[in-house]
């Protein structure tokens, strides 16, 4: 359970992954010129274009996560007593990963029961 994270942090993680992939593709594309000379220009062009698309997707995800973060409900975590943001009825604390909910009907169930219920939906 420790590896699960808050929804906003999951979006930010995907944005960071796309940033790293995009930059890596752009660097590898440029390295094609070093390894293959003028024949590597096609490889460099493809790498730069795909890397740019990945970076633009990353920027869109970061923007989307930022917009979600502005409308998220702030609650105090009962475990670590820090303010954390919640998306939806259930989410996890950004700091200690405790399952939080604003729905009184789900407030007394265990983590396994909640995950099983969410998988059914």
C-alpha atoms as a PDB file:
ATOM      1  CA  UNK A   1       0.000   0.000   0.000  1.00  0.00           C
ATOM      2  CA  UNK A   2       2.934   2.347   0.538  1.00  0.00           C
ATOM      3  CA  UNK A   3       3.518   2.651  -3.205  1.00  0.00           C
ATOM      4  CA  UNK A   4       0.100   4.159  -3.921  1.00  0.00           C
ATOM      5  CA  UNK A   5       0.083   7.945  -4.069  1.00  0.00           C
ATOM      6  CA  UNK A   6      -2.318  10.859  -4.198  1.00  0.00           C
ATOM      7  CA  UNK A   7      -4.076  11.499  -7.507  1.00  0.00           C
ATOM      8  CA  UNK A   8      -2.449  14.898  -8.064  1.00  0.00           C
ATOM      9  CA  UNK A   9       0.994  13.419  -7.400  1.00  0.00           C
ATOM     10  CA  UNK A  10       0.272  10.610  -9.887  1.00  0.00           C
ATOM     11  CA  UNK A  11      -0.516  13.182 -12.602  1.00  0.00           C
ATOM     12  CA  UNK A  12       2.685  15.058 -11.794  1.00  0.00           C
ATOM     13  CA  UNK A  13       4.674  11.823 -11.950  1.00  0.00           C
ATOM     14  CA  UNK A  14       3.372  11.119 -15.475  1.00  0.00           C
ATOM     15  CA  UNK A  15       4.253  14.693 -16.474  1.00  0.00           C
ATOM     16  CA  UNK A  16       7.794  14.249 -15.165  1.00  0.00           C
ATOM     17  CA  UNK A  17       8.134  10.905 -16.955  1.00  0.00           C
ATOM     18  CA  UNK A  18       7.080  12.475 -20.269  1.00  0.00           C
ATOM     19  CA  UNK A  19       9.544  15.330 -19.716  1.00  0.00           C
ATOM     20  CA  UNK A  20      12.411  12.902 -19.191  1.00  0.00           C
ATOM     21  CA  UNK A  21      11.398  10.740 -22.167  1.00  0.00           C
ATOM     22  CA  UNK A  22      11.073  13.794 -24.409  1.00  0.00           C
ATOM     23  CA  UNK A  23      14.441  15.194 -23.402  1.00  0.00           C
ATOM     24  CA  UNK A  24      16.047  11.767 -23.788  1.00  0.00           C
ATOM     25  CA  UNK A  25      14.631  11.375 -27.302  1.00  0.00           C
ATOM     26  CA  UNK A  26      15.881  14.804 -28.259  1.00  0.00           C
ATOM     27  CA  UNK A  27      19.363  14.059 -26.928  1.00  0.00           C
ATOM     28  CA  UNK A  28      19.479  10.654 -28.604  1.00  0.00           C
ATOM     29  CA  UNK A  29      18.262  12.195 -31.844  1.00  0.00           C
ATOM     30  CA  UNK A  30      21.003  14.786 -31.744  1.00  0.00           C
ATOM     31  CA  UNK A  31      23.539  12.060 -30.942  1.00  0.00           C
ATOM     32  CA  UNK A  32      22.596  10.467 -34.284  1.00  0.00           C
ATOM     33  CA  UNK A  33      24.439  13.287 -36.052  1.00  0.00           C
ATOM     34  CA  UNK A  34      27.552  12.586 -33.967  1.00  0.00           C
ATOM     35  CA  UNK A  35      27.509   8.840 -34.682  1.00  0.00           C
ATOM     36  CA  UNK A  36      26.392   8.788 -38.337  1.00  0.00           C
ATOM     37  CA  UNK A  37      27.342  12.236 -39.622  1.00  0.00           C
ATOM     38  CA  UNK A  38      25.069  13.724 -42.242  1.00  0.00           C
ATOM     39  CA  UNK A  39      23.143  10.433 -42.580  1.00  0.00           C
ATOM     40  CA  UNK A  40      22.036  10.858 -38.963  1.00  0.00           C
ATOM     41  CA  UNK A  41      20.154  14.080 -39.718  1.00  0.00           C
ATOM     42  CA  UNK A  42      16.973  12.146 -40.459  1.00  0.00           C
ATOM     43  CA  UNK A  43      17.328  10.275 -37.172  1.00  0.00           C
ATOM     44  CA  UNK A  44      17.959  13.592 -35.401  1.00  0.00           C
ATOM     45  CA  UNK A  45      14.908  15.201 -36.986  1.00  0.00           C
ATOM     46  CA  UNK A  46      12.628  12.326 -35.971  1.00  0.00           C
ATOM     47  CA  UNK A  47      14.021  12.294 -32.424  1.00  0.00           C
ATOM     48  CA  UNK A  48      13.629  16.052 -32.063  1.00  0.00           C
ATOM     49  CA  UNK A  49      10.041  16.064 -33.323  1.00  0.00           C
ATOM     50  CA  UNK A  50       8.894  13.128 -31.180  1.00  0.00           C
ATOM     51  CA  UNK A  51      10.749  14.597 -28.175  1.00  0.00           C
ATOM     52  CA  UNK A  52       9.049  17.940 -28.730  1.00  0.00           C
ATOM     53  CA  UNK A  53       5.636  16.243 -28.859  1.00  0.00           C
ATOM     54  CA  UNK A  54       6.420  14.421 -25.582  1.00  0.00           C
ATOM     55  CA  UNK A  55       7.482  17.703 -23.947  1.00  0.00           C
ATOM     56  CA  UNK A  56       4.285  19.424 -25.116  1.00  0.00           C
ATOM     57  CA  UNK A  57       2.217  16.536 -23.693  1.00  0.00           C
ATOM     58  CA  UNK A  58       4.133  16.903 -20.438  1.00  0.00           C
ATOM     59  CA  UNK A  59       3.347  20.604 -20.353  1.00  0.00           C
ATOM     60  CA  UNK A  60      -0.347  19.849 -20.915  1.00  0.00           C
ATOM     61  CA  UNK A  61      -0.365  17.300 -18.069  1.00  0.00           C
ATOM     62  CA  UNK A  62       1.356  19.734 -15.698  1.00  0.00           C
ATOM     63  CA  UNK A  63      -1.158  22.444 -16.640  1.00  0.00           C
ATOM     64  CA  UNK A  64      -4.063  20.036 -16.095  1.00  0.00           C
ATOM     65  CA  UNK A  65      -2.678  18.942 -12.698  1.00  0.00           C
ATOM     66  CA  UNK A  66      -2.259  22.584 -11.724  1.00  0.00           C
ATOM     67  CA  UNK A  67      -5.845  23.397 -12.641  1.00  0.00           C
ATOM     68  CA  UNK A  68      -7.080  20.355 -10.696  1.00  0.00           C
ATOM     69  CA  UNK A  69      -4.962  21.405  -7.738  1.00  0.00           C
ATOM     70  CA  UNK A  70      -6.586  24.836  -7.560  1.00  0.00           C
ATOM     71  CA  UNK A  71     -10.070  23.328  -7.188  1.00  0.00           C
ATOM     72  CA  UNK A  72      -9.092  20.447  -4.883  1.00  0.00           C
ATOM     73  CA  UNK A  73     -10.488  20.277  -1.358  1.00  0.00           C
ATOM     74  CA  UNK A  74      -7.912  20.782   1.391  1.00  0.00           C
ATOM     75  CA  UNK A  75      -8.249  18.477   4.401  1.00  0.00           C
ATOM     76  CA  UNK A  76      -6.069  17.720   7.390  1.00  0.00           C
ATOM     77  CA  UNK A  77      -4.732  14.168   7.423  1.00  0.00           C
ATOM     78  CA  UNK A  78      -5.705  12.355  10.634  1.00  0.00           C
ATOM     79  CA  UNK A  79      -2.401  10.437  10.665  1.00  0.00           C
ATOM     80  CA  UNK A  80       0.300  13.046   9.985  1.00  0.00           C
ATOM     81  CA  UNK A  81      -1.812  16.176  10.683  1.00  0.00           C
ATOM     82  CA  UNK A  82      -0.621  17.952   7.512  1.00  0.00           C
ATOM     83  CA  UNK A  83      -2.876  19.747   5.040  1.00  0.00           C
ATOM     84  CA  UNK A  84      -3.338  17.707   1.875  1.00  0.00           C
ATOM     85  CA  UNK A  85      -5.485  18.116  -1.233  1.00  0.00           C
ATOM     86  CA  UNK A  86      -8.185  15.638  -2.207  1.00  0.00           C
ATOM     87  CA  UNK A  87      -9.639  14.951  -5.644  1.00  0.00           C
ATOM     88  CA  UNK A  88     -12.982  13.156  -5.656  1.00  0.00           C
ATOM     89  CA  UNK A  89     -14.587  11.355  -2.731  1.00  0.00           C
ATOM     90  CA  UNK A  90     -11.535   9.252  -1.841  1.00  0.00           C
ATOM     91  CA  UNK A  91      -7.861  10.035  -2.213  1.00  0.00           C
ATOM     92  CA  UNK A  92      -4.598   9.463  -0.400  1.00  0.00           C
ATOM     93  CA  UNK A  93      -2.582  11.812   1.765  1.00  0.00           C
ATOM     94  CA  UNK A  94       0.281  13.327  -0.242  1.00  0.00           C
ATOM     95  CA  UNK A  95       2.679  12.791   2.643  1.00  0.00           C
ATOM     96  CA  UNK A  96       1.843   9.543   4.500  1.00  0.00           C
ATOM     97  CA  UNK A  97      -0.419   7.864   1.857  1.00  0.00           C
ATOM     98  CA  UNK A  98      -3.310   7.324   4.274  1.00  0.00           C
ATOM     99  CA  UNK A  99      -6.634   6.767   2.512  1.00  0.00           C
ATOM    100  CA  UNK A 100      -8.882   9.789   3.048  1.00  0.00           C
ATOM    101  CA  UNK A 101     -12.553  10.210   2.229  1.00  0.00           C
ATOM    102  CA  UNK A 102     -15.275  12.834   2.418  1.00  0.00           C
ATOM    103  CA  UNK A 103     -18.027  10.211   2.050  1.00  0.00           C
ATOM    104  CA  UNK A 104     -19.369   9.128   5.485  1.00  0.00           C
ATOM    105  CA  UNK A 105     -20.507   5.739   4.137  1.00  0.00           C
ATOM    106  CA  UNK A 106     -16.913   4.824   3.226  1.00  0.00           C
ATOM    107  CA  UNK A 107     -15.268   6.250   6.342  1.00  0.00           C
ATOM    108  CA  UNK A 108     -15.230   2.990   8.305  1.00  0.00           C
ATOM    109  CA  UNK A 109     -14.141   0.444   5.666  1.00  0.00           C
ATOM    110  CA  UNK A 110     -10.596  -0.886   5.321  1.00  0.00           C
ATOM    111  CA  UNK A 111      -8.201  -0.118   2.473  1.00  0.00           C
ATOM    112  CA  UNK A 112      -8.693  -3.549   0.900  1.00  0.00           C
ATOM    113  CA  UNK A 113     -12.483  -3.180   0.945  1.00  0.00           C
ATOM    114  CA  UNK A 114     -12.236   0.291  -0.621  1.00  0.00           C
ATOM    115  CA  UNK A 115      -9.956  -0.904  -3.413  1.00  0.00           C
ATOM    116  CA  UNK A 116     -12.218  -3.880  -4.116  1.00  0.00           C
ATOM    117  CA  UNK A 117     -15.229  -1.562  -4.240  1.00  0.00           C
ATOM    118  CA  UNK A 118     -13.451   0.830  -6.626  1.00  0.00           C
ATOM    119  CA  UNK A 119     -12.425  -2.041  -8.911  1.00  0.00           C
ATOM    120  CA  UNK A 120     -16.063  -3.161  -9.201  1.00  0.00           C
ATOM    121  CA  UNK A 121     -17.164   0.291 -10.392  1.00  0.00           C
END
